[in-house]
Amino acid sequence: MGITVSQDQARDRLLQAFEWAISDRPVPGYWTEFSNRTFEMTSKTYTPALGTVLLAKATDARVDPFSIKTEYGQNTYSIRTLCHGVLVPAAQHLGFSIRNTGREPLNNQPFFRYDHMSKIERVRNRVEHARFLDGLERIEPADSSAALAALAAFLRVAFHTQQRSKNYSIDESGLTFDWLSDSVGAFLNDNVDRPRRTQALVAGAFDVLYPDVRSRRINDPSRDYPGDVQVFDGQYPLLSVEVRAKRVLPTEVSAFAAACRDAEIERAFVIILTPLHSALPTAELRRSAMEDYGVLLTVIETHEHLVDDVLTWSPLSLPAALRTFAKAVLDRLVEIEADQISLSRWVELIRPS
């Protein structure tokens, strides 16, 4: 039962699509737009999934694009086998982004526990998931030539995404605690693109502490959990973080704790990074959050407090934590599409003098 997609043939088709992608030859507008939107999805797993689906169809048009496991049906194939065996090494070798750096990016939600995408019931973001399935329906009747064109469009977006990130690199050697803390302060004090800078700093800070940290674009209308940054354990959030680059009132903090209670999130952080902020009655807010909502609340009101807490609690050695923080902030700035001034400024601040 099912189809075994030839990895040798898939490598050949991927190379054809990549050569198309980096040429001046036009690619389908629909798949360019769809790929761009997939790269912006909250869950990074959709990106390698889309690339693998298009690769499978370009290699063997018979395949069911909703496949997860070979055993499910007559035309299903193993999406993980093809992704891990062909797409992942190709991304590393050819230099295009799939938004994941691990060897097995599809061993993650929402695809991990299911045999077929039509059977997925619980997802973090239903709007994004429905949008992704619409794209799969669009590619289902395509022949291998049309699928190759769609794959070329995906790879063009993937290559440009990687090149945009590569335009900025940092040298984290020689970083010290004071240097990093001062760099964070200077980065915020520029008062340029402050919401994105603040969110990137906070998401990057939690990247030092946890393996699955998820952020989102500023003012994302498809939010399904309270807060701007969440830490996940599998399918569910362990904690949520509200990131603010402006003054926050005590009533707003309490409202966030209540929202976390309603979302069954037991730990909440409110991180405020702005010189305009007035100190909050933190002890009282923590007590009421626990008594009224059963939520363990942490409030951080300065960048010094943030950097100190992250580097204190990180399981990494101090030099490794410093390097991870510096690199993670850059990656988060790219991810949330911060402006070029912000990217250049962070690189400048971290660069050894």
Protein backbone atom coordinates (compact mmCIF):
# COMPACT_ATOMS: atom_id res chain seq x y z
CA MET A 1 0.00 0.00 0.00
CA GLY A 2 1.19 3.49 -0.72
CA ILE A 3 3.92 4.89 -2.95
CA THR A 4 7.65 4.97 -2.41
CA VAL A 5 8.93 8.22 -3.87
CA SER A 6 12.38 7.68 -5.36
CA GLN A 7 14.84 9.85 -3.48
CA ASP A 8 17.27 9.83 -6.41
CA GLN A 9 14.57 11.11 -8.76
CA ALA A 10 13.45 13.62 -6.14
CA ARG A 11 16.99 15.01 -5.87
CA ASP A 12 17.10 15.45 -9.64
CA ARG A 13 13.73 17.22 -9.67
CA LEU A 14 14.70 19.45 -6.77
CA LEU A 15 17.88 20.50 -8.54
CA GLN A 16 15.88 21.31 -11.69
CA ALA A 17 13.48 23.42 -9.64
CA PHE A 18 16.32 25.16 -7.84
CA GLU A 19 18.07 26.09 -11.08
CA TRP A 20 14.74 27.49 -12.26
CA ALA A 21 14.30 29.38 -8.97
CA ILE A 22 17.63 31.20 -9.15
CA SER A 23 17.21 32.07 -12.84
CA ASP A 24 15.21 34.92 -14.38
CA ARG A 25 12.55 32.49 -15.58
CA PRO A 26 9.05 33.40 -14.29
CA VAL A 27 7.45 31.27 -11.58
CA PRO A 28 3.73 30.97 -10.77
CA GLY A 29 2.43 33.99 -8.88
CA TYR A 30 -0.02 31.96 -6.79
CA TRP A 31 2.70 29.69 -5.43
CA THR A 32 5.02 32.61 -4.78
CA GLU A 33 2.34 34.29 -2.67
CA PHE A 34 1.36 31.02 -0.97
CA SER A 35 4.99 30.24 -0.16
CA ASN A 36 5.52 33.71 1.28
CA ARG A 37 2.49 33.29 3.52
CA THR A 38 3.67 29.85 4.60
CA PHE A 39 7.06 31.29 5.60
CA GLU A 40 5.16 33.73 7.82
CA MET A 41 3.04 31.12 9.59
CA THR A 42 3.29 30.82 13.35
CA SER A 43 4.29 27.17 13.14
CA LYS A 44 7.56 26.76 11.25
CA THR A 45 6.71 23.13 10.48
CA TYR A 46 4.39 24.11 7.63
CA THR A 47 7.34 25.42 5.62
CA PRO A 48 9.30 22.14 5.20
CA ALA A 49 5.97 20.36 4.83
CA LEU A 50 5.02 22.53 1.85
CA GLY A 51 8.41 22.10 0.24
CA THR A 52 8.18 18.34 0.62
CA VAL A 53 4.64 18.13 -0.77
CA LEU A 54 5.61 20.10 -3.87
CA LEU A 55 8.74 18.01 -4.30
CA ALA A 56 6.75 14.78 -4.03
CA LYS A 57 4.21 15.92 -6.65
CA ALA A 58 6.99 17.12 -8.96
CA THR A 59 8.63 13.69 -8.68
CA ASP A 60 5.52 11.49 -8.89
CA ALA A 61 2.23 13.21 -9.74
CA ARG A 62 0.24 10.27 -8.36
CA VAL A 63 1.02 11.07 -4.75
CA ASP A 64 -1.64 12.28 -2.36
CA PRO A 65 -0.47 15.74 -1.19
CA PHE A 66 -2.21 15.22 2.17
CA SER A 67 0.04 12.24 2.92
CA ILE A 68 1.89 11.81 6.17
CA LYS A 69 2.49 8.05 6.24
CA THR A 70 2.73 5.51 3.43
CA GLU A 71 0.33 3.05 5.04
CA TYR A 72 -2.69 5.36 5.00
CA GLY A 73 -3.84 4.85 1.40
CA GLN A 74 -3.05 3.72 -2.11
CA ASN A 75 -1.35 6.96 -3.19
CA THR A 76 0.12 8.09 0.12
CA TYR A 77 3.84 8.35 0.81
CA SER A 78 6.04 9.08 3.82
CA ILE A 79 6.41 12.84 3.98
CA ARG A 80 9.02 12.56 6.76
CA THR A 81 11.21 10.17 4.78
CA LEU A 82 11.28 12.45 1.76
CA CYS A 83 11.76 15.60 3.82
CA HIS A 84 14.54 14.25 6.00
CA GLY A 85 16.23 12.34 3.18
CA VAL A 86 16.10 14.94 0.40
CA LEU A 87 14.76 18.39 1.33
CA VAL A 88 16.76 18.93 4.54
CA PRO A 89 20.20 18.06 3.11
CA ALA A 90 19.40 20.01 -0.06
CA ALA A 91 18.53 23.10 1.97
CA GLN A 92 21.89 22.87 3.71
CA HIS A 93 23.84 22.17 0.51
CA LEU A 94 22.12 24.64 -1.81
CA GLY A 95 21.57 27.36 0.77
CA PHE A 96 17.82 27.88 0.94
CA SER A 97 15.70 28.28 4.06
CA ILE A 98 13.08 25.88 5.38
CA ARG A 99 12.89 27.80 8.71
CA ASN A 100 14.20 24.76 10.61
CA THR A 101 17.78 23.74 11.26
CA GLY A 102 17.21 20.30 12.78
CA ARG A 103 17.58 17.01 10.93
CA GLU A 104 13.90 16.05 11.32
CA PRO A 105 11.73 19.18 11.12
CA LEU A 106 8.52 17.22 10.54
CA ASN A 107 8.78 15.37 13.84
CA ASN A 108 6.69 18.19 15.22
CA GLN A 109 3.10 19.35 15.45
CA PRO A 110 0.71 19.34 13.75
CA PHE A 111 2.00 16.36 11.74
CA PHE A 112 3.67 14.25 14.41
CA ARG A 113 0.82 12.04 15.64
CA TYR A 114 -1.30 11.69 12.51
CA ASP A 115 -1.27 9.43 9.45
CA HIS A 116 -2.98 11.84 7.04
CA MET A 117 -3.45 15.60 7.06
CA SER A 118 -7.19 15.26 6.58
CA LYS A 119 -7.34 13.58 10.00
CA ILE A 120 -5.61 16.36 11.95
CA GLU A 121 -8.09 17.67 14.52
CA ARG A 122 -6.11 19.66 17.06
CA VAL A 123 -3.97 22.48 15.76
CA ARG A 124 -2.56 25.59 17.36
CA ASN A 125 -3.85 27.95 14.68
CA ARG A 126 -6.94 26.79 12.80
CA VAL A 127 -6.87 29.68 10.33
CA GLU A 128 -3.32 28.92 9.23
CA HIS A 129 -3.99 25.20 9.09
CA ALA A 130 -7.07 25.67 6.90
CA ARG A 131 -5.07 27.98 4.62
CA PHE A 132 -2.37 25.32 4.30
CA LEU A 133 -4.90 22.62 3.41
CA ASP A 134 -6.38 24.92 0.74
CA GLY A 135 -2.96 25.03 -0.89
CA LEU A 136 -2.73 21.24 -0.84
CA GLU A 137 -6.12 21.02 -2.56
CA ARG A 138 -4.78 23.40 -5.20
CA ILE A 139 -1.76 21.19 -5.97
CA GLU A 140 -3.66 17.86 -5.82
CA PRO A 141 -4.73 17.72 -9.51
CA ALA A 142 -1.43 19.12 -10.81
CA ASP A 143 0.81 17.10 -13.09
CA SER A 144 4.54 16.83 -12.43
CA SER A 145 5.36 19.82 -14.68
CA ALA A 146 2.94 22.13 -12.87
CA ALA A 147 4.21 20.85 -9.53
CA LEU A 148 7.80 21.54 -10.61
CA ALA A 149 6.85 25.14 -11.37
CA ALA A 150 5.21 25.43 -7.94
CA LEU A 151 8.34 23.97 -6.35
CA ALA A 152 10.48 26.50 -8.20
CA ALA A 153 8.33 29.31 -6.76
CA PHE A 154 8.73 27.88 -3.26
CA LEU A 155 12.49 27.57 -3.68
CA ARG A 156 12.80 31.14 -4.96
CA VAL A 157 11.11 32.39 -1.80
CA ALA A 158 13.21 30.00 0.31
CA PHE A 159 16.46 31.11 -1.31
CA HIS A 160 15.71 34.81 -0.96
CA THR A 161 14.75 34.28 2.67
CA GLN A 162 18.07 32.61 3.37
CA GLN A 163 20.03 35.27 1.49
CA ARG A 164 18.29 38.01 3.44
CA SER A 165 19.35 36.36 6.67
CA LYS A 166 22.90 35.80 5.44
CA ASN A 167 23.31 39.48 4.69
CA TYR A 168 23.65 39.92 8.42
CA SER A 169 26.04 37.92 10.54
CA ILE A 170 27.51 38.55 13.94
CA ASP A 171 30.74 37.72 15.64
CA GLU A 172 29.79 36.70 19.17
CA SER A 173 33.38 36.01 20.24
CA GLY A 174 34.53 37.94 23.26
CA LEU A 175 31.04 38.85 24.44
CA THR A 176 30.72 39.61 28.14
CA PHE A 177 27.70 40.03 30.36
CA ASP A 178 28.17 43.81 30.62
CA TRP A 179 28.73 44.15 26.88
CA LEU A 180 25.55 42.26 26.03
CA SER A 181 23.48 44.15 28.60
CA ASP A 182 24.79 47.50 27.33
CA SER A 183 24.10 46.43 23.74
CA VAL A 184 20.49 45.57 24.59
CA GLY A 185 20.07 48.94 26.28
CA ALA A 186 21.54 50.85 23.35
CA PHE A 187 19.42 48.85 20.90
CA LEU A 188 16.25 49.91 22.72
CA ASN A 189 17.32 53.49 23.31
CA ASP A 190 17.56 54.18 19.58
CA ASN A 191 13.76 54.42 19.68
CA VAL A 192 13.57 52.97 16.16
CA ASP A 193 11.17 50.14 15.30
CA ARG A 194 10.82 49.66 19.05
CA PRO A 195 7.93 47.11 19.06
CA ARG A 196 9.80 44.68 16.80
CA ARG A 197 13.12 45.23 18.55
CA THR A 198 11.50 44.57 21.92
CA GLN A 199 9.74 41.42 20.74
CA ALA A 200 12.90 40.07 19.10
CA LEU A 201 14.90 40.66 22.29
CA VAL A 202 12.33 38.88 24.44
CA ALA A 203 11.87 35.93 22.05
CA GLY A 204 15.66 35.64 21.72
CA ALA A 205 15.99 35.66 25.50
CA PHE A 206 13.59 32.75 25.88
CA ASP A 207 15.43 30.91 23.08
CA VAL A 208 18.34 30.69 25.52
CA LEU A 209 16.12 28.90 28.04
CA TYR A 210 13.74 26.69 26.06
CA PRO A 211 13.88 24.62 22.83
CA ASP A 212 10.41 25.47 21.45
CA VAL A 213 9.77 29.21 21.60
CA ARG A 214 7.16 30.62 19.24
CA SER A 215 6.69 34.23 18.35
CA ARG A 216 4.54 35.98 15.79
CA ARG A 217 4.39 39.06 13.65
CA ILE A 218 3.46 42.35 15.31
CA ASN A 219 -0.33 42.94 15.38
CA ASP A 220 -1.03 39.44 14.06
CA PRO A 221 -4.84 39.17 13.79
CA SER A 222 -4.79 35.35 13.98
CA ARG A 223 -3.63 35.09 17.60
CA ASP A 224 -4.94 31.99 19.31
CA TYR A 225 -3.20 32.40 22.68
CA PRO A 226 -2.76 35.50 24.82
CA GLY A 227 0.62 37.15 24.63
CA ASP A 228 3.28 37.73 21.99
CA VAL A 229 5.66 34.85 22.75
CA GLN A 230 4.87 31.35 23.99
CA VAL A 231 7.00 28.45 25.15
CA PHE A 232 5.60 25.09 24.09
CA ASP A 233 5.94 21.53 25.30
CA GLY A 234 4.62 19.53 22.38
CA GLN A 235 1.16 20.80 21.45
CA TYR A 236 0.45 23.01 24.43
CA PRO A 237 2.00 26.22 25.80
CA LEU A 238 3.92 26.03 29.06
CA LEU A 239 3.93 29.78 29.49
CA SER A 240 3.02 32.96 27.68
CA VAL A 241 4.77 36.31 27.50
CA GLU A 242 3.19 39.71 26.96
CA VAL A 243 5.81 42.04 25.46
CA ARG A 244 5.32 45.78 25.80
CA ALA A 245 7.34 48.69 24.47
CA LYS A 246 5.13 51.27 26.17
CA ARG A 247 3.76 52.06 29.60
CA VAL A 248 1.61 49.33 31.18
CA LEU A 249 -1.07 49.79 33.83
CA PRO A 250 -1.70 47.32 36.69
CA THR A 251 -5.16 46.59 35.29
CA GLU A 252 -3.58 45.47 32.00
CA VAL A 253 -1.30 43.05 33.81
CA SER A 254 -4.25 41.57 35.69
CA ALA A 255 -6.21 41.26 32.45
CA PHE A 256 -3.35 39.33 30.88
CA ALA A 257 -3.22 36.96 33.86
CA ALA A 258 -6.95 36.39 33.49
CA ALA A 259 -6.54 35.69 29.76
CA CYS A 260 -3.84 33.13 30.53
CA ARG A 261 -6.16 31.46 33.05
CA ASP A 262 -8.88 31.25 30.40
CA ALA A 263 -6.36 29.69 27.97
CA GLU A 264 -5.25 27.19 30.66
CA ILE A 265 -1.75 28.66 30.76
CA GLU A 266 -0.42 28.57 34.30
CA ARG A 267 2.67 30.76 33.96
CA ALA A 268 2.63 34.30 32.62
CA PHE A 269 5.34 36.87 32.01
CA VAL A 270 4.80 40.56 31.41
CA ILE A 271 7.98 42.16 30.08
CA ILE A 272 8.03 45.95 29.71
CA LEU A 273 11.02 47.58 28.05
CA THR A 274 10.54 51.33 27.78
CA PRO A 275 11.94 54.34 29.67
CA LEU A 276 8.41 55.77 29.89
CA HIS A 277 7.19 52.98 32.15
CA SER A 278 6.41 53.59 35.82
CA ALA A 279 7.21 50.83 38.30
CA LEU A 280 4.33 48.45 38.98
CA PRO A 281 3.24 47.05 42.38
CA THR A 282 4.78 43.72 41.39
CA ALA A 283 4.31 41.86 44.68
CA GLU A 284 0.63 42.75 44.82
CA LEU A 285 0.09 41.80 41.17
CA ARG A 286 1.81 38.45 41.65
CA ARG A 287 -0.28 37.68 44.71
CA SER A 288 -3.59 38.59 43.06
CA ALA A 289 -2.71 36.67 39.87
CA MET A 290 -2.20 33.51 41.90
CA GLU A 291 -5.15 34.01 44.25
CA ASP A 292 -7.66 35.17 41.64
CA TYR A 293 -6.57 33.21 38.57
CA GLY A 294 -4.18 30.46 39.66
CA VAL A 295 -1.48 31.96 37.42
CA LEU A 296 2.15 32.32 38.43
CA LEU A 297 3.05 35.81 37.24
CA THR A 298 6.48 37.28 36.61
CA VAL A 299 6.92 40.96 35.77
CA ILE A 300 10.17 42.25 34.24
CA GLU A 301 10.43 46.02 33.86
CA THR A 302 13.99 46.69 32.69
CA HIS A 303 16.33 45.26 30.10
CA GLU A 304 18.96 44.71 32.83
CA HIS A 305 16.50 42.53 34.72
CA LEU A 306 15.73 40.55 31.55
CA VAL A 307 19.37 39.90 30.64
CA ASP A 308 20.32 39.05 34.21
CA ASP A 309 17.47 36.54 34.63
CA VAL A 310 18.09 34.83 31.30
CA LEU A 311 21.80 34.37 31.80
CA THR A 312 21.33 33.30 35.42
CA TRP A 313 18.77 30.61 34.64
CA SER A 314 20.21 29.33 31.35
CA PRO A 315 21.46 25.72 31.47
CA LEU A 316 24.29 26.75 29.12
CA SER A 317 27.71 27.94 30.17
CA LEU A 318 27.87 31.73 30.38
CA PRO A 319 29.90 32.15 27.15
CA ALA A 320 27.52 29.81 25.30
CA ALA A 321 24.47 31.61 26.70
CA LEU A 322 25.85 34.97 25.62
CA ARG A 323 26.49 33.72 22.09
CA THR A 324 23.09 32.03 21.88
CA PHE A 325 21.30 35.19 23.02
CA ALA A 326 23.13 37.41 20.51
CA LYS A 327 22.46 35.07 17.58
CA ALA A 328 18.86 34.35 18.59
CA VAL A 329 17.99 38.05 18.63
CA LEU A 330 19.30 38.42 15.07
CA ASP A 331 17.31 35.39 13.93
CA ARG A 332 14.16 36.76 15.56
CA LEU A 333 14.61 40.16 13.94
CA VAL A 334 14.75 38.46 10.54
CA GLU A 335 11.77 36.26 11.38
CA ILE A 336 9.45 39.13 12.32
CA GLU A 337 10.63 41.22 9.37
CA ALA A 338 12.28 44.02 11.30
CA ASP A 339 13.60 46.85 9.17
CA GLN A 340 17.13 46.86 7.79
CA ILE A 341 18.18 49.59 10.21
CA SER A 342 17.38 47.33 13.16
CA LEU A 343 19.25 44.38 11.69
CA SER A 344 22.33 46.46 10.94
CA ARG A 345 22.22 48.13 14.35
CA TRP A 346 22.15 44.84 16.27
CA VAL A 347 25.08 43.50 14.26
CA GLU A 348 26.99 46.72 14.89
CA LEU A 349 26.36 46.62 18.65
CA ILE A 350 27.46 43.00 19.04
CA ARG A 351 30.53 43.28 16.84
CA PRO A 352 33.80 43.29 18.87
CA SER A 353 35.38 46.71 19.12
